Each structure stands twice: as C-alpha cells, then as structure tokens.
C-alpha cells in the first residue's frame, strides 16, 4: 500500500504555496524556518529588511493576512515596479 499523506498535511502544503505565491506577487519574499515547523519570516527583498516574523513566528495564514493589509509593495511610492512572472 503506497504512503498516503493526511488531508491536513495536503491542506497545509496548499496554504504554504498560496502564501509564497501571494508574497511573490506583492513584491515580498518569505523564508520558511528549518527548525520551527510552519514558521515564516516576511522579507522586503529590495531593502533587505525583515517586515515581520523575525523569530519565524508567522504561520502561512498570518503571512496571507499581513500581505493583504500591507498591499502591493510595487504600487507604493519608492517601490520598484517588477515585471510579472512569465
């Protein structure tokens, strides 16, 4: 019998991917902790700054909510306009 992932694990992976895509689309990047499971850090790649989660204390859901509240970095004054991924 092949190994089956639990539905919870699959849903978590979907949420992780959604958070990563949302961050990329908004001009941010996220880093996942290798030590703390499910912990993320939100980064501003243009300024090389940590926006939130300096202790990797953000969940994927937190990342999505934070990006929604911050808005699109590329549309803010001083934000660099990035080409959409091809």
Protein backbone atom coordinates (compact mmCIF):
# COMPACT_ATOMS: atom_id res chain seq x y z
CA UNK A 1 0.00 0.00 0.00
CA UNK A 2 1.53 3.37 -1.02
CA UNK A 3 2.16 6.03 1.55
CA UNK A 4 -0.77 8.45 1.79
CA UNK A 5 -0.46 12.00 3.07
CA UNK A 6 -3.07 13.05 5.55
CA UNK A 7 -5.59 15.59 4.34
CA UNK A 8 -4.28 18.02 6.96
CA UNK A 9 -0.77 17.76 5.54
CA UNK A 10 -2.03 18.34 2.00
CA UNK A 11 -4.08 21.35 3.08
CA UNK A 12 -1.07 22.79 4.91
CA UNK A 13 1.09 22.44 1.81
CA UNK A 14 -1.59 24.21 -0.25
CA UNK A 15 -1.72 27.05 2.27
CA UNK A 16 2.10 27.28 2.29
CA UNK A 17 2.17 27.54 -1.51
CA UNK A 18 -0.60 30.13 -1.52
CA UNK A 19 1.32 32.28 0.99
CA UNK A 20 4.52 32.04 -1.08
CA UNK A 21 2.70 32.97 -4.31
CA UNK A 22 0.89 35.90 -2.65
CA UNK A 23 4.18 37.24 -1.25
CA UNK A 24 5.89 36.98 -4.63
CA UNK A 25 3.00 38.70 -6.42
CA UNK A 26 3.07 41.57 -3.91
CA UNK A 27 6.84 42.05 -4.27
CA UNK A 28 7.85 40.40 -0.99
CA UNK A 29 9.51 37.10 -0.21
CA UNK A 30 9.05 34.65 2.61
CA UNK A 31 11.53 32.33 4.27
CA UNK A 32 10.40 29.16 5.97
CA UNK A 33 12.14 28.10 9.17
CA UNK A 34 14.09 24.86 9.01
CA UNK A 35 13.90 24.47 12.77
CA UNK A 36 10.43 25.69 13.66
CA UNK A 37 7.71 23.81 11.73
CA UNK A 38 5.29 26.15 9.98
CA UNK A 39 7.24 29.27 10.96
CA UNK A 40 7.74 32.04 8.40
CA UNK A 41 9.50 35.36 8.03
CA UNK A 42 8.30 38.07 5.59
CA UNK A 43 11.07 39.96 3.81
CA UNK A 44 11.36 43.09 1.68
CA UNK A 45 13.86 41.97 -0.97
CA UNK A 46 14.58 45.50 -2.31
CA UNK A 47 15.56 46.91 1.08
CA UNK A 48 16.88 43.64 2.55
CA UNK A 49 14.70 44.09 5.63
CA UNK A 50 12.56 41.80 7.73
CA UNK A 51 8.97 43.06 7.59
CA UNK A 52 7.54 40.64 10.15
CA UNK A 53 8.31 37.34 11.83
CA UNK A 54 11.87 37.98 12.94
CA UNK A 55 11.63 34.88 15.18
CA UNK A 56 9.88 32.87 12.44
CA UNK A 57 6.66 33.28 14.41
CA UNK A 58 4.30 33.76 11.45
CA UNK A 59 2.06 30.99 10.13
CA UNK A 60 1.11 30.77 6.44
CA UNK A 61 -2.28 32.27 7.33
CA UNK A 62 -0.56 35.14 9.15
CA UNK A 63 1.53 35.81 6.05
CA UNK A 64 -1.60 35.98 3.87
CA UNK A 65 -3.36 38.35 6.25
CA UNK A 66 -0.30 40.56 6.58
CA UNK A 67 0.20 40.82 2.82
CA UNK A 68 -3.47 41.72 2.40
CA UNK A 69 -3.12 44.50 4.97
CA UNK A 70 0.20 45.83 3.60
CA UNK A 71 -0.90 45.92 -0.03
CA UNK A 72 1.25 45.57 -3.09
CA UNK A 73 4.80 46.80 -2.46
CA UNK A 74 5.28 47.51 -6.16
CA UNK A 75 2.49 50.10 -6.15
CA UNK A 76 3.81 52.13 -3.21
CA UNK A 77 5.90 55.27 -3.80
CA UNK A 78 9.54 54.26 -3.97
CA UNK A 79 8.63 50.64 -4.68
CA UNK A 80 10.29 49.24 -7.75
CA UNK A 81 7.93 48.14 -10.50
CA UNK A 82 8.59 44.48 -11.16
CA UNK A 83 7.60 42.62 -14.30
CA UNK A 84 5.03 39.89 -13.70
CA UNK A 85 6.44 36.37 -13.94
CA UNK A 86 6.21 34.87 -17.44
